[in-house]
Protein backbone atom coordinates (compact mmCIF):
# COMPACT_ATOMS: atom_id res chain seq x y z
CA MET A 1 100.39 82.30 85.15
CA THR A 2 98.76 80.01 87.77
CA TYR A 3 99.94 81.95 90.80
CA THR A 4 97.59 84.76 92.09
CA PRO A 5 99.60 87.38 93.75
CA ARG A 6 98.58 88.84 97.08
CA SER A 7 100.25 92.38 96.65
CA GLU A 8 98.07 95.25 95.16
CA PHE A 9 101.01 96.24 93.14
CA LEU A 10 101.39 92.88 91.28
CA ASN A 11 97.51 92.58 90.88
CA VAL A 12 97.39 95.91 89.32
CA MET A 13 100.37 95.39 86.95
CA GLN A 14 99.03 91.94 85.79
CA SER A 15 95.53 93.27 85.31
CA ARG A 16 96.87 96.15 83.09
CA GLY A 17 99.11 93.59 81.10
CA TYR A 18 102.34 95.07 82.18
CA MET A 19 103.83 91.73 83.44
CA ALA A 20 105.42 89.89 80.51
CA ASP A 21 107.28 87.33 82.68
CA CYS A 22 108.92 86.88 85.96
CA THR A 23 111.36 84.18 87.25
CA ASP A 24 109.98 83.88 90.75
CA LEU A 25 106.66 85.45 91.05
CA GLN A 26 105.69 84.17 94.50
CA SER A 27 109.20 85.52 95.86
CA LEU A 28 108.56 88.92 94.39
CA ASP A 29 105.14 88.95 95.74
CA ASP A 30 106.39 87.85 99.28
CA ALA A 31 108.82 90.74 99.17
CA LEU A 32 106.20 93.26 98.11
CA THR A 33 103.98 92.15 100.90
CA SER A 34 106.45 91.72 103.71
CA GLY A 35 107.30 95.37 104.14
CA THR A 36 108.24 98.52 102.56
CA SER A 37 109.07 98.15 98.97
CA GLY A 38 109.32 100.40 96.06
CA ALA A 39 108.90 100.05 92.33
CA VAL A 40 109.45 102.20 89.30
CA ASP A 41 107.06 102.21 86.55
CA GLY A 42 109.14 103.80 83.98
CA ALA A 43 106.84 107.00 83.50
CA ARG A 44 108.28 110.39 83.71
CA THR A 45 106.28 113.25 85.09
CA ARG A 46 106.48 116.90 84.18
CA ASP A 47 107.11 119.79 86.48
CA PRO A 48 104.19 122.22 85.75
CA ARG A 49 106.15 125.24 86.91
CA ARG A 50 109.00 124.57 84.24
CA ASP A 51 107.20 122.42 81.65
CA ARG A 52 109.89 120.02 81.47
CA PRO A 53 110.37 116.47 82.58
CA VAL A 54 111.43 115.62 86.33
CA LEU A 55 114.31 113.26 86.43
């Protein structure tokens, strides 16, 4: 990739090798840096009180 993202999220995802490909990386980066955006990393957490996944 020749584009260097400005958003911390994309920088971390790239540095950890989680970015396989993206059709328009610059537009995604612009959206992430322009305001409130969310992302899901696919990881599930456990509820320690019930010892089961939190969905």
